[in-house]
N, C-alpha and C. Protein backbone atom coordinates (compact mmCIF):
# COMPACT_ATOMS: atom_id res chain seq x y z
N MET A 1 49.02 293.26 -4.69
CA MET A 1 48.58 294.23 -3.69
C MET A 1 48.90 293.58 -2.41
N ILE A 2 49.42 294.51 -1.52
CA ILE A 2 49.73 294.18 -0.05
C ILE A 2 48.82 294.94 0.78
N VAL A 3 48.07 294.04 1.59
CA VAL A 3 47.09 294.66 2.50
C VAL A 3 47.45 294.56 4.05
N GLY A 4 47.20 295.65 4.68
CA GLY A 4 47.41 295.63 6.17
C GLY A 4 46.16 295.35 6.81
N ALA A 5 46.34 294.34 7.83
CA ALA A 5 45.17 294.00 8.59
C ALA A 5 45.36 294.29 10.05
N ILE A 6 44.60 295.30 10.57
CA ILE A 6 44.85 295.58 12.08
C ILE A 6 43.80 294.71 12.82
N LEU A 7 44.30 293.97 13.77
CA LEU A 7 43.49 293.09 14.54
C LEU A 7 43.04 293.90 15.82
N ALA A 8 41.78 294.14 15.81
CA ALA A 8 41.29 295.06 16.89
C ALA A 8 39.87 294.44 17.48
N ALA A 9 39.73 293.24 17.52
CA ALA A 9 38.51 292.69 17.95
C ALA A 9 38.41 292.10 19.40
N GLY A 10 39.64 292.28 20.07
CA GLY A 10 39.66 291.61 21.42
C GLY A 10 38.77 292.46 22.44
N THR A 11 38.45 291.77 23.56
CA THR A 11 37.69 292.29 24.47
C THR A 11 38.59 293.11 25.59
N GLY A 12 39.68 292.84 25.49
CA GLY A 12 40.66 293.54 26.60
C GLY A 12 40.34 293.03 27.94
N SER A 13 40.20 291.69 28.06
CA SER A 13 39.67 291.10 29.48
C SER A 13 40.71 291.41 30.50
N ARG A 14 42.06 291.21 30.17
CA ARG A 14 43.09 291.51 31.37
C ARG A 14 43.16 293.03 31.63
N LEU A 15 42.83 293.72 30.64
CA LEU A 15 42.88 295.27 30.91
C LEU A 15 41.54 295.88 31.35
N GLY A 16 40.64 295.16 31.24
CA GLY A 16 39.16 295.60 31.83
C GLY A 16 38.49 296.46 30.74
N ARG A 17 38.92 296.73 29.57
CA ARG A 17 38.31 297.51 28.57
C ARG A 17 39.01 297.07 27.17
N PRO A 18 38.26 297.50 26.12
CA PRO A 18 38.94 297.08 24.75
C PRO A 18 40.10 298.01 24.46
N LYS A 19 41.13 297.33 24.10
CA LYS A 19 42.40 298.06 23.76
C LYS A 19 42.24 298.98 22.65
N ALA A 20 41.41 298.65 21.75
CA ALA A 20 41.21 299.52 20.44
C ALA A 20 40.81 300.92 20.93
N LEU A 21 40.15 300.95 21.90
CA LEU A 21 39.61 302.25 22.34
C LEU A 21 40.46 303.07 23.43
N LEU A 22 41.45 302.59 23.81
CA LEU A 22 42.32 303.25 24.84
C LEU A 22 42.75 304.63 24.18
N ASP A 23 42.91 305.56 25.01
CA ASP A 23 43.22 306.94 24.70
C ASP A 23 44.74 306.96 24.32
N TRP A 24 45.16 307.31 23.11
CA TRP A 24 46.49 307.42 22.74
C TRP A 24 46.80 308.87 22.12
N GLN A 25 47.31 309.68 22.89
CA GLN A 25 47.70 311.13 22.42
C GLN A 25 46.38 311.67 21.87
N GLY A 26 45.27 311.62 22.66
CA GLY A 26 44.01 312.18 22.39
C GLY A 26 43.11 311.54 21.26
N ARG A 27 43.48 310.36 20.98
CA ARG A 27 42.61 309.72 19.93
C ARG A 27 42.61 308.14 20.32
N PRO A 28 41.65 307.56 19.96
CA PRO A 28 41.65 306.01 20.22
C PRO A 28 42.81 305.32 19.60
N LEU A 29 43.43 304.17 20.29
CA LEU A 29 44.50 303.57 19.89
C LEU A 29 44.31 302.86 18.37
N VAL A 30 43.10 302.40 18.15
CA VAL A 30 42.93 301.88 16.76
C VAL A 30 42.97 302.93 15.72
N ARG A 31 42.75 304.25 16.02
CA ARG A 31 42.91 305.33 14.94
C ARG A 31 44.34 305.47 14.74
N HIS A 32 45.10 305.55 15.87
CA HIS A 32 46.64 305.70 15.83
C HIS A 32 47.23 304.61 14.91
N LEU A 33 46.83 303.27 15.08
CA LEU A 33 47.40 302.27 14.33
C LEU A 33 47.02 302.47 12.77
N ALA A 34 45.70 302.83 12.65
CA ALA A 34 45.19 302.93 11.19
C ALA A 34 45.91 304.07 10.59
N GLU A 35 46.21 305.18 11.23
CA GLU A 35 47.01 306.22 10.72
C GLU A 35 48.46 305.67 10.21
N ILE A 36 49.01 305.01 11.11
CA ILE A 36 50.34 304.54 10.88
C ILE A 36 50.32 303.54 9.56
N ALA A 37 49.36 302.74 9.63
CA ALA A 37 49.24 301.82 8.45
C ALA A 37 49.00 302.53 7.20
N LEU A 38 48.23 303.60 7.16
CA LEU A 38 47.91 304.38 5.97
C LEU A 38 49.16 305.17 5.51
N ARG A 39 50.13 305.51 6.41
CA ARG A 39 51.23 306.23 5.92
C ARG A 39 52.50 305.38 5.58
N SER A 40 52.11 303.95 5.47
CA SER A 40 53.28 303.06 5.35
C SER A 40 53.58 302.42 4.04
N GLY A 41 52.78 302.84 3.04
CA GLY A 41 52.87 302.18 1.65
C GLY A 41 52.08 300.90 1.46
N LEU A 42 51.16 300.56 2.36
CA LEU A 42 50.28 299.41 2.16
C LEU A 42 49.21 299.91 1.13
N ASP A 43 48.85 298.86 0.29
CA ASP A 43 47.86 299.25 -0.81
C ASP A 43 46.44 299.35 -0.24
N ARG A 44 46.17 298.68 0.85
CA ARG A 44 44.82 298.87 1.47
C ARG A 44 44.90 298.58 2.96
N VAL A 45 44.01 299.12 3.73
CA VAL A 45 43.92 298.74 5.17
C VAL A 45 42.68 298.26 5.61
N ILE A 46 42.68 297.04 6.32
CA ILE A 46 41.42 296.51 6.81
C ILE A 46 41.57 296.49 8.40
N VAL A 47 40.42 296.90 9.06
CA VAL A 47 40.45 296.84 10.60
C VAL A 47 39.48 295.82 10.91
N VAL A 48 39.83 294.81 11.69
CA VAL A 48 38.95 293.73 12.21
C VAL A 48 38.41 294.25 13.60
N ALA A 49 37.08 294.41 13.67
CA ALA A 49 36.60 294.94 15.00
C ALA A 49 35.66 293.75 15.63
N GLY A 50 35.40 294.00 16.89
CA GLY A 50 34.68 293.08 17.71
C GLY A 50 33.49 293.62 18.38
N PRO A 51 33.47 293.39 19.77
CA PRO A 51 32.24 293.79 20.53
C PRO A 51 31.93 295.33 20.44
N ARG A 52 32.82 296.05 20.34
CA ARG A 52 32.67 297.61 20.15
C ARG A 52 32.82 298.11 18.89
N ALA A 53 32.29 297.35 17.86
CA ALA A 53 32.59 297.79 16.60
C ALA A 53 32.06 299.12 16.22
N GLY A 54 30.81 299.56 16.76
CA GLY A 54 30.29 300.88 16.57
C GLY A 54 31.27 301.97 16.87
N ASP A 55 31.86 301.78 18.06
CA ASP A 55 32.80 302.76 18.57
C ASP A 55 34.14 302.81 17.73
N VAL A 56 34.62 301.65 17.20
CA VAL A 56 35.74 301.51 16.36
C VAL A 56 35.38 302.26 15.06
N ARG A 57 34.21 301.88 14.45
CA ARG A 57 33.91 302.59 13.23
C ARG A 57 33.79 304.08 13.47
N ALA A 58 33.25 304.59 14.56
CA ALA A 58 33.22 306.06 14.73
C ALA A 58 34.58 306.51 14.81
N ALA A 59 35.47 305.88 15.52
CA ALA A 59 36.85 306.27 15.55
C ALA A 59 37.67 306.52 14.30
N LEU A 60 37.14 305.62 13.27
CA LEU A 60 37.81 305.64 11.98
C LEU A 60 36.95 306.20 10.82
N ARG A 61 35.94 306.96 11.23
CA ARG A 61 34.88 307.32 10.11
C ARG A 61 35.43 308.22 9.01
N ASP A 62 36.45 308.84 9.25
CA ASP A 62 36.95 309.65 8.10
C ASP A 62 38.27 309.07 7.51
N LEU A 63 38.59 307.95 7.92
CA LEU A 63 39.80 307.32 7.30
C LEU A 63 39.47 306.35 6.22
N PRO A 64 40.25 306.09 5.08
CA PRO A 64 40.06 305.29 3.96
C PRO A 64 40.47 303.87 4.37
N VAL A 65 39.73 303.26 5.27
CA VAL A 65 39.95 301.89 5.81
C VAL A 65 38.73 301.04 5.65
N ASP A 66 38.83 299.73 5.42
CA ASP A 66 37.62 298.78 5.41
C ASP A 66 37.51 298.31 6.86
N ILE A 67 36.33 298.20 7.38
CA ILE A 67 35.98 297.65 8.71
C ILE A 67 35.32 296.41 8.55
N VAL A 68 35.71 295.37 9.14
CA VAL A 68 35.18 294.04 9.11
C VAL A 68 34.79 293.64 10.53
N TYR A 69 33.58 293.15 10.68
CA TYR A 69 33.24 292.69 12.09
C TYR A 69 33.53 291.18 12.20
N ASN A 70 34.29 290.88 13.26
CA ASN A 70 34.43 289.45 13.68
C ASN A 70 33.44 288.96 14.59
N HIS A 71 32.44 288.25 14.11
CA HIS A 71 31.25 287.70 14.92
C HIS A 71 31.76 286.58 15.93
N TYR A 72 32.97 286.04 15.70
CA TYR A 72 33.45 285.03 16.54
C TYR A 72 34.67 285.40 17.43
N PHE A 73 34.63 286.73 17.83
CA PHE A 73 35.88 287.40 18.51
C PHE A 73 36.12 286.53 19.81
N GLY A 74 35.18 286.01 20.38
CA GLY A 74 35.32 285.29 21.78
C GLY A 74 36.14 284.03 21.57
N LEU A 75 36.33 283.57 20.45
CA LEU A 75 37.04 282.36 20.10
C LEU A 75 38.56 282.50 19.90
N GLY A 76 39.01 283.66 20.02
CA GLY A 76 40.53 283.88 19.93
C GLY A 76 40.98 284.59 18.59
N GLN A 77 42.24 284.97 18.73
CA GLN A 77 42.71 285.83 17.76
C GLN A 77 42.74 285.22 16.32
N SER A 78 42.72 283.84 16.17
CA SER A 78 42.66 283.14 14.88
C SER A 78 41.29 283.61 14.17
N THR A 79 40.30 283.82 14.88
CA THR A 79 38.99 284.27 14.13
C THR A 79 39.23 285.61 13.52
N SER A 80 39.96 286.54 14.09
CA SER A 80 40.28 287.79 13.59
C SER A 80 41.04 287.74 12.26
N VAL A 81 42.02 286.80 12.37
CA VAL A 81 42.91 286.57 11.23
C VAL A 81 42.05 286.02 10.08
N GLN A 82 41.12 285.05 10.33
CA GLN A 82 40.15 284.51 9.26
C GLN A 82 39.30 285.75 8.73
N ALA A 83 38.69 286.52 9.64
CA ALA A 83 37.92 287.54 9.22
C ALA A 83 38.56 288.53 8.20
N ALA A 84 39.88 288.84 8.66
CA ALA A 84 40.64 289.61 7.72
C ALA A 84 40.90 289.09 6.37
N LEU A 85 41.28 287.68 6.37
CA LEU A 85 41.53 287.00 5.20
C LEU A 85 40.05 286.91 4.24
N GLY A 86 38.98 286.75 4.85
CA GLY A 86 37.80 286.77 4.18
C GLY A 86 37.41 288.08 3.45
N ALA A 87 38.12 289.12 3.96
CA ALA A 87 37.85 290.51 3.47
C ALA A 87 38.76 290.92 2.47
N LEU A 88 39.79 290.18 2.19
CA LEU A 88 40.87 290.62 1.24
C LEU A 88 40.26 290.74 -0.11
N PRO A 89 40.71 291.88 -0.86
CA PRO A 89 40.34 292.05 -2.27
C PRO A 89 40.95 291.05 -3.13
N PRO A 90 40.27 290.81 -4.24
CA PRO A 90 40.92 289.88 -5.28
C PRO A 90 42.23 290.52 -5.69
N GLY A 91 43.26 289.61 -5.92
CA GLY A 91 44.54 290.07 -6.19
C GLY A 91 45.45 290.29 -5.13
N THR A 92 45.04 290.10 -3.86
CA THR A 92 45.94 290.34 -2.77
C THR A 92 46.93 289.29 -2.77
N GLU A 93 48.28 289.70 -2.72
CA GLU A 93 49.35 288.72 -2.87
C GLU A 93 49.98 288.53 -1.38
N ALA A 94 49.69 289.45 -0.40
CA ALA A 94 50.30 289.32 0.82
C ALA A 94 49.49 290.10 1.81
N VAL A 95 49.46 289.78 3.14
CA VAL A 95 48.86 290.55 4.12
C VAL A 95 49.78 290.71 5.34
N LEU A 96 49.90 291.92 5.83
CA LEU A 96 50.72 292.25 6.87
C LEU A 96 49.78 292.49 8.14
N PHE A 97 49.90 291.73 9.21
CA PHE A 97 49.01 291.78 10.34
C PHE A 97 49.63 292.75 11.41
N LEU A 98 48.79 293.65 11.84
CA LEU A 98 49.18 294.60 12.92
C LEU A 98 48.24 294.30 14.11
N LEU A 99 48.74 294.37 15.29
CA LEU A 99 48.02 294.23 16.52
C LEU A 99 47.76 295.49 17.10
N VAL A 100 46.45 295.70 17.48
CA VAL A 100 46.08 297.07 17.90
C VAL A 100 46.68 297.43 19.15
N ASP A 101 47.30 296.52 19.92
CA ASP A 101 47.80 296.93 21.25
C ASP A 101 49.38 297.08 21.04
N GLN A 102 49.96 297.28 19.90
CA GLN A 102 51.32 297.66 19.83
C GLN A 102 51.51 298.96 19.09
N PRO A 103 51.34 300.09 20.05
CA PRO A 103 51.46 301.43 19.57
C PRO A 103 52.75 301.96 19.04
N PHE A 104 53.82 301.16 19.20
CA PHE A 104 55.13 301.80 18.91
C PHE A 104 55.64 301.30 17.50
N ILE A 105 54.73 300.42 16.85
CA ILE A 105 55.10 300.14 15.46
C ILE A 105 55.12 301.33 14.57
N SER A 106 56.09 301.53 13.75
CA SER A 106 56.20 302.76 12.85
C SER A 106 55.95 302.42 11.47
N PRO A 107 55.64 303.55 10.73
CA PRO A 107 55.60 303.43 9.19
C PRO A 107 56.80 302.87 8.70
N ASP A 108 58.03 303.35 9.14
CA ASP A 108 59.31 302.87 8.66
C ASP A 108 59.49 301.37 8.81
N LEU A 109 59.14 300.89 9.96
CA LEU A 109 59.23 299.38 10.12
C LEU A 109 58.38 298.64 9.19
N ILE A 110 57.13 299.14 9.02
CA ILE A 110 56.20 298.54 7.94
C ILE A 110 56.76 298.56 6.69
N ARG A 111 57.32 299.68 6.19
CA ARG A 111 57.90 299.81 4.95
C ARG A 111 59.12 298.83 4.76
N SER A 112 59.89 298.59 5.85
CA SER A 112 60.99 297.63 5.71
C SER A 112 60.53 296.32 5.47
N VAL A 113 59.34 295.91 6.13
CA VAL A 113 58.85 294.63 5.99
C VAL A 113 58.25 294.42 4.52
N ILE A 114 57.59 295.48 4.11
CA ILE A 114 57.13 295.43 2.70
C ILE A 114 58.26 295.41 1.76
N ASP A 115 59.35 296.22 1.91
CA ASP A 115 60.41 296.21 0.89
C ASP A 115 61.12 294.82 0.96
N ALA A 116 61.21 294.13 2.10
CA ALA A 116 61.81 292.77 2.10
C ALA A 116 60.90 291.72 1.33
N TYR A 117 59.61 291.93 1.44
CA TYR A 117 58.77 291.00 0.59
C TYR A 117 59.06 291.28 -0.94
N ARG A 118 58.91 292.59 -1.25
CA ARG A 118 59.16 292.91 -2.67
C ARG A 118 60.40 292.45 -3.23
N ARG A 119 61.50 292.58 -2.43
CA ARG A 119 62.72 292.16 -2.70
C ARG A 119 62.95 290.66 -2.95
N THR A 120 62.43 290.02 -2.03
CA THR A 120 62.60 288.50 -1.96
C THR A 120 61.43 287.53 -2.49
N GLY A 121 60.21 288.10 -2.27
CA GLY A 121 59.07 287.31 -2.55
C GLY A 121 58.76 286.09 -1.63
N ALA A 122 59.63 286.10 -0.54
CA ALA A 122 59.38 285.05 0.59
C ALA A 122 57.98 285.10 1.03
N PRO A 123 57.44 283.88 1.42
CA PRO A 123 56.06 283.86 1.87
C PRO A 123 55.90 284.27 3.36
N LEU A 124 56.98 284.63 4.04
CA LEU A 124 56.90 284.95 5.40
C LEU A 124 58.00 286.05 5.74
N ILE A 125 57.54 287.19 6.17
CA ILE A 125 58.62 288.34 6.58
C ILE A 125 58.35 288.56 7.99
N VAL A 126 59.40 288.55 8.80
CA VAL A 126 59.16 288.64 10.23
C VAL A 126 60.21 289.67 10.71
N PRO A 127 59.70 290.78 11.38
CA PRO A 127 60.80 291.60 12.06
C PRO A 127 61.40 290.84 13.27
N ARG A 128 62.74 291.01 13.38
CA ARG A 128 63.39 290.33 14.60
C ARG A 128 64.06 291.33 15.31
N GLY A 129 63.48 291.57 16.60
CA GLY A 129 64.25 292.41 17.49
C GLY A 129 65.26 291.68 18.30
N PRO A 130 65.76 292.27 19.30
CA PRO A 130 66.70 291.54 20.19
C PRO A 130 66.37 290.29 20.65
N GLY A 131 66.86 289.23 20.03
CA GLY A 131 66.82 287.84 20.59
C GLY A 131 65.50 287.03 20.13
N ARG A 132 64.44 287.65 19.49
CA ARG A 132 63.31 286.92 19.10
C ARG A 132 62.59 287.56 18.03
N PRO A 133 61.57 286.84 17.32
CA PRO A 133 60.75 287.47 16.33
C PRO A 133 59.73 288.47 17.05
N GLY A 134 59.31 289.48 16.22
CA GLY A 134 58.25 290.36 16.68
C GLY A 134 57.25 290.65 15.57
N ASN A 135 56.61 291.85 15.64
CA ASN A 135 55.57 292.21 14.86
C ASN A 135 55.85 293.57 14.13
N PRO A 136 55.19 293.90 13.14
CA PRO A 136 54.18 293.12 12.41
C PRO A 136 54.63 292.09 11.36
N VAL A 137 54.02 290.95 11.13
CA VAL A 137 54.49 289.91 10.33
C VAL A 137 53.61 289.89 9.06
N LEU A 138 54.37 289.62 7.84
CA LEU A 138 53.73 289.70 6.57
C LEU A 138 53.62 288.12 6.19
N PHE A 139 52.53 287.68 5.62
CA PHE A 139 52.27 286.41 5.18
C PHE A 139 51.82 286.51 3.58
N GLY A 140 52.54 285.78 2.83
CA GLY A 140 52.31 285.70 1.42
C GLY A 140 51.14 284.79 1.20
N ARG A 141 50.49 284.89 -0.04
CA ARG A 141 49.41 284.12 -0.49
C ARG A 141 49.58 282.54 -0.20
N PRO A 142 50.83 282.00 -0.45
CA PRO A 142 51.01 280.54 -0.24
C PRO A 142 50.64 280.09 1.20
N LEU A 143 50.51 280.93 2.16
CA LEU A 143 50.33 280.64 3.64
C LEU A 143 48.84 280.91 3.89
N PHE A 144 48.13 281.56 3.05
CA PHE A 144 46.62 281.81 3.41
C PHE A 144 45.92 280.68 3.82
N VAL A 145 45.90 279.58 3.17
CA VAL A 145 45.16 278.43 3.48
C VAL A 145 45.43 277.97 4.93
N GLU A 146 46.68 277.99 5.23
CA GLU A 146 47.06 277.48 6.73
C GLU A 146 46.60 278.54 7.71
N LEU A 147 46.63 279.78 7.38
CA LEU A 147 46.19 280.79 8.27
C LEU A 147 44.73 280.54 8.59
N LEU A 148 43.96 280.21 7.36
CA LEU A 148 42.53 279.89 7.53
C LEU A 148 42.29 278.70 8.49
N SER A 149 43.25 277.79 8.64
CA SER A 149 43.07 276.50 9.48
C SER A 149 43.30 276.84 10.97
N LEU A 150 43.85 278.08 11.27
CA LEU A 150 44.22 278.25 12.75
C LEU A 150 43.15 278.16 13.62
N ARG A 151 43.32 277.78 14.92
CA ARG A 151 42.17 277.72 15.88
C ARG A 151 42.64 278.44 17.04
N GLY A 152 41.74 279.04 17.86
CA GLY A 152 42.04 279.47 19.17
C GLY A 152 42.74 280.86 19.15
N ASP A 153 43.66 281.12 20.18
CA ASP A 153 44.15 282.41 20.33
C ASP A 153 45.63 282.46 20.02
N ARG A 154 46.02 281.64 18.98
CA ARG A 154 47.49 281.52 18.61
C ARG A 154 47.87 282.58 17.64
N GLY A 155 46.95 282.93 16.72
CA GLY A 155 47.38 283.87 15.64
C GLY A 155 48.18 283.11 14.69
N GLY A 156 49.17 283.78 14.09
CA GLY A 156 50.13 283.31 13.06
C GLY A 156 51.34 282.70 13.66
N ARG A 157 51.55 282.82 15.00
CA ARG A 157 52.83 282.39 15.62
C ARG A 157 53.18 280.89 15.29
N VAL A 158 52.17 280.06 15.11
CA VAL A 158 52.55 278.66 14.92
C VAL A 158 53.15 278.49 13.51
N LEU A 159 52.67 279.33 12.43
CA LEU A 159 53.27 279.21 11.09
C LEU A 159 54.62 279.93 11.12
N ILE A 160 54.82 280.87 11.99
CA ILE A 160 56.13 281.53 12.04
C ILE A 160 57.20 280.47 12.49
N GLU A 161 56.72 279.67 13.41
CA GLU A 161 57.59 278.58 13.95
C GLU A 161 57.77 277.43 12.90
N ARG A 162 56.74 277.07 12.19
CA ARG A 162 56.76 275.96 11.22
C ARG A 162 57.62 276.42 9.99
N TYR A 163 57.51 277.57 9.60
CA TYR A 163 58.17 278.02 8.28
C TYR A 163 59.41 278.95 8.62
N ALA A 164 59.92 278.84 9.82
CA ALA A 164 61.18 279.71 10.02
C ALA A 164 62.19 279.60 8.97
N HIS A 165 62.28 278.37 8.45
CA HIS A 165 63.42 278.15 7.45
C HIS A 165 63.13 278.91 6.07
N ARG A 166 61.81 279.29 5.86
CA ARG A 166 61.46 279.98 4.68
C ARG A 166 61.29 281.50 4.90
N ALA A 167 61.45 281.85 6.13
CA ALA A 167 61.14 283.26 6.42
C ALA A 167 62.40 284.12 6.11
N VAL A 168 62.07 285.32 5.78
CA VAL A 168 63.09 286.33 5.64
C VAL A 168 62.81 287.26 6.89
N THR A 169 64.00 287.52 7.61
CA THR A 169 63.81 288.47 8.83
C THR A 169 64.36 289.92 8.50
N VAL A 170 63.71 290.83 9.16
CA VAL A 170 64.05 292.26 9.07
C VAL A 170 64.68 292.56 10.45
N PRO A 171 66.00 292.79 10.40
CA PRO A 171 66.55 293.18 11.82
C PRO A 171 66.02 294.42 12.25
N VAL A 172 65.67 294.47 13.52
CA VAL A 172 65.20 295.66 14.21
C VAL A 172 66.02 295.82 15.47
N ARG A 173 66.56 297.04 15.80
CA ARG A 173 67.39 297.23 16.99
C ARG A 173 66.46 297.43 18.22
N SER A 174 65.35 297.95 18.09
CA SER A 174 64.47 298.31 19.16
C SER A 174 63.51 297.26 19.58
N ASP A 175 63.09 297.39 20.74
CA ASP A 175 62.12 296.39 21.20
C ASP A 175 60.61 296.78 20.88
N ASP A 176 60.60 297.77 20.04
CA ASP A 176 59.16 298.24 19.64
C ASP A 176 58.33 297.05 18.98
N VAL A 177 59.10 296.10 18.41
CA VAL A 177 58.34 295.01 17.89
C VAL A 177 57.74 294.04 18.75
N PHE A 178 58.05 294.25 20.10
CA PHE A 178 57.60 293.33 21.17
C PHE A 178 56.55 294.04 21.95
N PHE A 179 56.68 295.30 22.17
CA PHE A 179 56.04 296.06 23.23
C PHE A 179 54.42 296.02 22.96
N ASP A 180 53.69 295.41 23.84
CA ASP A 180 52.23 295.48 23.69
C ASP A 180 51.59 295.83 25.03
N ILE A 181 50.30 296.16 24.92
CA ILE A 181 49.41 296.52 26.18
C ILE A 181 48.55 295.40 26.45
N ASP A 182 48.80 294.71 27.42
CA ASP A 182 47.74 293.65 27.89
C ASP A 182 47.10 293.98 29.17
N THR A 183 47.72 294.86 29.96
CA THR A 183 47.16 295.10 31.42
C THR A 183 47.26 296.54 31.58
N ALA A 184 46.62 297.04 32.69
CA ALA A 184 46.78 298.37 33.07
C ALA A 184 48.14 298.93 33.30
N GLU A 185 48.99 298.04 33.96
CA GLU A 185 50.39 298.37 34.01
C GLU A 185 51.04 298.59 32.74
N ASP A 186 50.77 297.71 31.77
CA ASP A 186 51.40 297.84 30.41
C ASP A 186 51.03 299.25 29.81
N TYR A 187 49.79 299.64 30.14
CA TYR A 187 49.09 300.87 29.45
C TYR A 187 50.02 302.12 30.12
N ARG A 188 50.11 301.93 31.48
CA ARG A 188 50.84 303.05 32.19
C ARG A 188 52.36 303.12 31.65
N ALA A 189 52.94 301.93 31.40
CA ALA A 189 54.29 301.86 30.97
C ALA A 189 54.39 302.42 29.50
N ALA A 190 53.43 302.15 28.69
CA ALA A 190 53.37 302.64 27.33
C ALA A 190 53.33 304.15 27.34
N LEU A 191 52.54 304.80 28.14
CA LEU A 191 52.33 306.17 28.35
C LEU A 191 53.55 306.88 28.80
N ARG A 192 54.28 306.15 29.81
CA ARG A 192 55.60 306.66 30.20
C ARG A 192 56.62 306.67 29.13
N ARG A 193 56.63 305.53 28.39
CA ARG A 193 57.53 305.43 27.29
C ARG A 193 57.20 306.43 26.20
N LEU A 194 55.99 306.64 25.95
CA LEU A 194 55.65 307.72 25.02
C LEU A 194 56.18 309.17 25.28
N GLY A 195 56.38 309.38 26.73
CA GLY A 195 56.83 310.63 26.98
C GLY A 195 58.47 310.65 26.80
N ARG A 196 59.10 309.54 26.48
CA ARG A 196 60.40 309.59 26.14
C ARG A 196 60.76 309.41 24.74
N VAL A 197 59.74 309.11 23.95
CA VAL A 197 59.96 308.87 22.46
C VAL A 197 59.93 310.23 21.85
C-alpha cells in the first residue's frame, strides 16, 4: 500500500494566515491538493492538520481522506511527518509526502513517482527538476524509523541528502516541483501563474 500524506499543519507565519485555507480556484488549497492526491493512484490519503484543523476538516468533509491532528505543529515540519507516519495503516510499504503550499503538483507527476517506486523498489524516489531535487518525495518503509527521528523544521530533506546514492530520480522538465507559497508575494505569483496554466 502506498499512502499519500498532505502536510497542512503549518501556521503560515510568513504569509500571515494558514496556507491550507488559501483560496485556490474557489476552494481551499488543502482541498485542491487532496483532490489531486485522490486522482493520482495512491491507495490512501492522509491530511495532517494543525491550528485550524476544524476549518481543514470542513474543507475536506466529503472527500475520502483521513485527517490527523498534529498537536506539536509549532515544533516544525518534522512533527507533521511523524503524525502522518503514526497514522499509516498496517501494510503501508511507502508514503509520498505532499506539501500543501505546492499547488502545481499534478496527478501525472505523482503517478510517475509511484511508477518509479513500483518499478525499482528503491527506498527513496525524488522528482528532479532543473538543477535540483523537488517534491513530492516518496519514502519506503526502510526509511520510516529515520523519518521518525527527525527534529525541527527540516522535513525529509536531510534523508534525501543522506541517501542520495540509493535514490531513484524522476526527471521533470517543469519547475512545478519547486514552486511553493511562503509569502503574500508568492501567493500573488501563484495566482498569476495559474492564469497562464
